Amino acid sequence: MSKFSSQLSGFAFVSEPLERADTLRDDADALLRLWPDARVLVLDQDGTALAGHDGQPLPLTGADLGGGPGTAIFLGLRGEQAWFSMEAAGLSDRAWLVQYAAMPGQTVTPLAEADCEKQPYFSIVVVHGQGRRP
């Protein structure tokens, strides 16, 4: 997982803006029902979306992150698709950096304690999805 400045080509809501859906904002049950299939933009402290190597925001859903909307901010709807944003800091307590994944010398470190500037090619960040327990 990398952080890049992104043009947000498919995510800026320019060609098809979000509907604010004000009636849903105070309905915790409705937001919880929307969460598993919702798209979630994860933002750093500067408000930059966490992005993949292609420079586009990570295509995360509520189900990928687990739990419920909790501290996420409901942005609105695009058609039937709910959109939320949340701070990356909200994930760090359940995120782990795996270096040399599935290889000899694999290490696992809490993301909050990891030096994320330079990582080996076979590294991945794993976030425990608390809502996806069997």
Protein backbone atom coordinates (compact mmCIF):
# COMPACT_ATOMS: atom_id res chain seq x y z
CA MET A 1 0.00 0.00 0.00
CA SER A 2 1.49 3.32 -1.07
CA LYS A 3 0.46 6.91 -0.80
CA PHE A 4 0.59 8.81 -4.07
CA SER A 5 -0.85 12.12 -5.13
CA SER A 6 -3.78 11.02 -7.21
CA GLN A 7 -5.88 12.64 -9.88
CA LEU A 8 -8.81 10.62 -8.52
CA SER A 9 -9.97 9.95 -12.08
CA GLY A 10 -12.85 7.68 -11.13
CA PHE A 11 -13.37 8.99 -7.64
CA ALA A 12 -13.71 12.78 -7.71
CA PHE A 13 -17.47 12.67 -8.28
CA VAL A 14 -17.13 15.27 -11.04
CA SER A 15 -19.04 13.56 -13.82
CA GLU A 16 -21.60 12.07 -11.46
CA PRO A 17 -21.81 13.89 -8.12
CA LEU A 18 -22.86 12.18 -4.92
CA GLU A 19 -26.38 12.57 -3.62
CA ARG A 20 -26.07 13.87 -0.05
CA ALA A 21 -28.85 11.54 1.17
CA ASP A 22 -29.54 13.71 4.21
CA THR A 23 -32.28 11.37 5.43
CA LEU A 24 -29.69 8.60 5.96
CA ARG A 25 -27.18 10.68 7.93
CA ASP A 26 -28.93 10.27 11.28
CA ASP A 27 -30.11 6.70 10.63
CA ALA A 28 -27.42 4.51 12.22
CA ASP A 29 -29.23 1.29 11.26
CA ALA A 30 -29.44 2.30 7.58
CA LEU A 31 -25.74 3.27 7.51
CA LEU A 32 -24.82 -0.06 9.12
CA ARG A 33 -26.79 -1.92 6.42
CA LEU A 34 -25.01 0.06 3.68
CA TRP A 35 -21.53 -0.44 5.19
CA PRO A 36 -20.52 -3.88 3.82
CA ASP A 37 -20.97 -2.86 0.16
CA ALA A 38 -20.00 0.79 0.61
CA ARG A 39 -16.88 2.23 -1.00
CA VAL A 40 -14.50 3.72 1.57
CA LEU A 41 -11.86 6.36 0.85
CA VAL A 42 -9.08 6.08 3.44
CA LEU A 43 -7.38 9.43 4.00
CA ASP A 44 -4.10 10.33 5.69
CA GLN A 45 -3.70 13.32 8.04
CA ASP A 46 -3.26 15.64 5.04
CA GLY A 47 -6.49 14.46 3.42
CA THR A 48 -4.73 12.51 0.66
CA ALA A 49 -6.38 9.24 -0.27
CA LEU A 50 -4.25 6.14 0.26
CA ALA A 51 -3.56 4.81 -3.20
CA GLY A 52 -2.16 1.75 -4.92
CA HIS A 53 0.82 1.68 -7.24
CA ASP A 54 -1.41 2.88 -10.09
CA GLY A 55 -1.96 6.14 -8.21
CA GLN A 56 -5.68 5.49 -7.77
CA PRO A 57 -7.38 5.33 -4.36
CA LEU A 58 -7.51 1.87 -2.87
CA PRO A 59 -10.77 0.16 -3.93
CA LEU A 60 -11.84 -0.69 -0.37
CA THR A 61 -15.32 -1.61 0.79
CA GLY A 62 -16.80 -1.67 4.26
CA ALA A 63 -16.60 -5.48 4.15
CA ASP A 64 -12.85 -5.23 3.43
CA LEU A 65 -12.39 -3.12 6.56
CA GLY A 66 -14.83 -5.05 8.73
CA GLY A 67 -16.82 -3.81 11.68
CA GLY A 68 -19.22 -0.96 10.96
CA PRO A 69 -19.07 2.64 9.87
CA GLY A 70 -18.07 3.75 13.40
CA THR A 71 -15.91 6.84 12.93
CA ALA A 72 -16.25 6.87 9.13
CA ILE A 73 -17.96 9.87 7.56
CA PHE A 74 -20.90 9.18 5.29
CA LEU A 75 -20.27 11.15 2.09
CA GLY A 76 -23.42 10.24 0.20
CA LEU A 77 -24.79 7.93 -2.48
CA ARG A 78 -23.94 7.42 -6.14
CA GLY A 79 -26.91 5.46 -7.36
CA GLU A 80 -27.30 2.69 -4.79
CA GLN A 81 -23.58 2.77 -3.84
CA ALA A 82 -22.83 4.41 -0.47
CA TRP A 83 -19.51 6.26 -0.06
CA PHE A 84 -17.70 6.88 3.20
CA SER A 85 -14.35 8.36 4.13
CA MET A 86 -12.24 7.55 7.15
CA GLU A 87 -8.85 8.44 8.54
CA ALA A 88 -6.07 5.95 8.04
CA ALA A 89 -5.32 6.38 11.74
CA GLY A 90 -8.57 4.54 12.43
CA LEU A 91 -7.04 1.42 10.88
CA SER A 92 -3.55 1.51 12.31
CA ASP A 93 -4.44 -0.23 15.57
CA ARG A 94 -5.46 -3.36 13.61
CA ALA A 95 -2.99 -3.15 10.72
CA TRP A 96 0.20 -5.21 10.35
CA LEU A 97 3.12 -4.89 7.95
CA VAL A 98 4.24 -8.26 6.57
CA GLN A 99 7.69 -8.12 4.96
CA TYR A 100 8.89 -10.93 2.68
CA ALA A 101 5.37 -12.36 2.80
CA ALA A 102 5.28 -16.18 2.60
CA MET A 103 9.07 -16.30 2.14
CA PRO A 104 11.98 -17.25 4.37
CA GLY A 105 12.73 -14.30 6.60
CA GLN A 106 9.10 -13.16 6.79
CA THR A 107 8.55 -10.57 9.51
CA VAL A 108 5.28 -9.19 10.90
CA THR A 109 5.25 -5.79 12.62
CA PRO A 110 2.37 -3.62 13.87
CA LEU A 111 1.96 -0.93 11.21
CA ALA A 112 2.13 1.82 13.82
CA GLU A 113 5.67 0.67 14.71
CA ALA A 114 6.90 0.03 11.15
CA ASP A 115 9.20 2.20 9.05
CA CYS A 116 7.08 2.49 5.92
CA GLU A 117 9.48 4.56 3.82
CA LYS A 118 11.32 1.64 2.20
CA GLN A 119 9.95 -1.87 2.08
CA PRO A 120 10.96 -5.01 0.20
CA TYR A 121 9.00 -5.88 -2.92
CA PHE A 122 7.16 -8.76 -1.21
CA SER A 123 5.56 -6.62 1.51
CA ILE A 124 1.89 -6.20 2.28
CA VAL A 125 -0.23 -4.41 4.87
CA VAL A 126 -2.92 -6.58 6.41
CA VAL A 127 -5.88 -5.02 8.23
CA HIS A 128 -7.95 -7.28 10.44
CA GLY A 129 -11.56 -7.16 9.26
CA GLN A 130 -13.34 -7.51 12.57
CA GLY A 131 -16.71 -8.07 10.95
CA ARG A 132 -15.53 -11.02 8.84
CA ARG A 133 -14.96 -13.65 11.48
CA PRO A 134 -16.24 -17.13 10.57
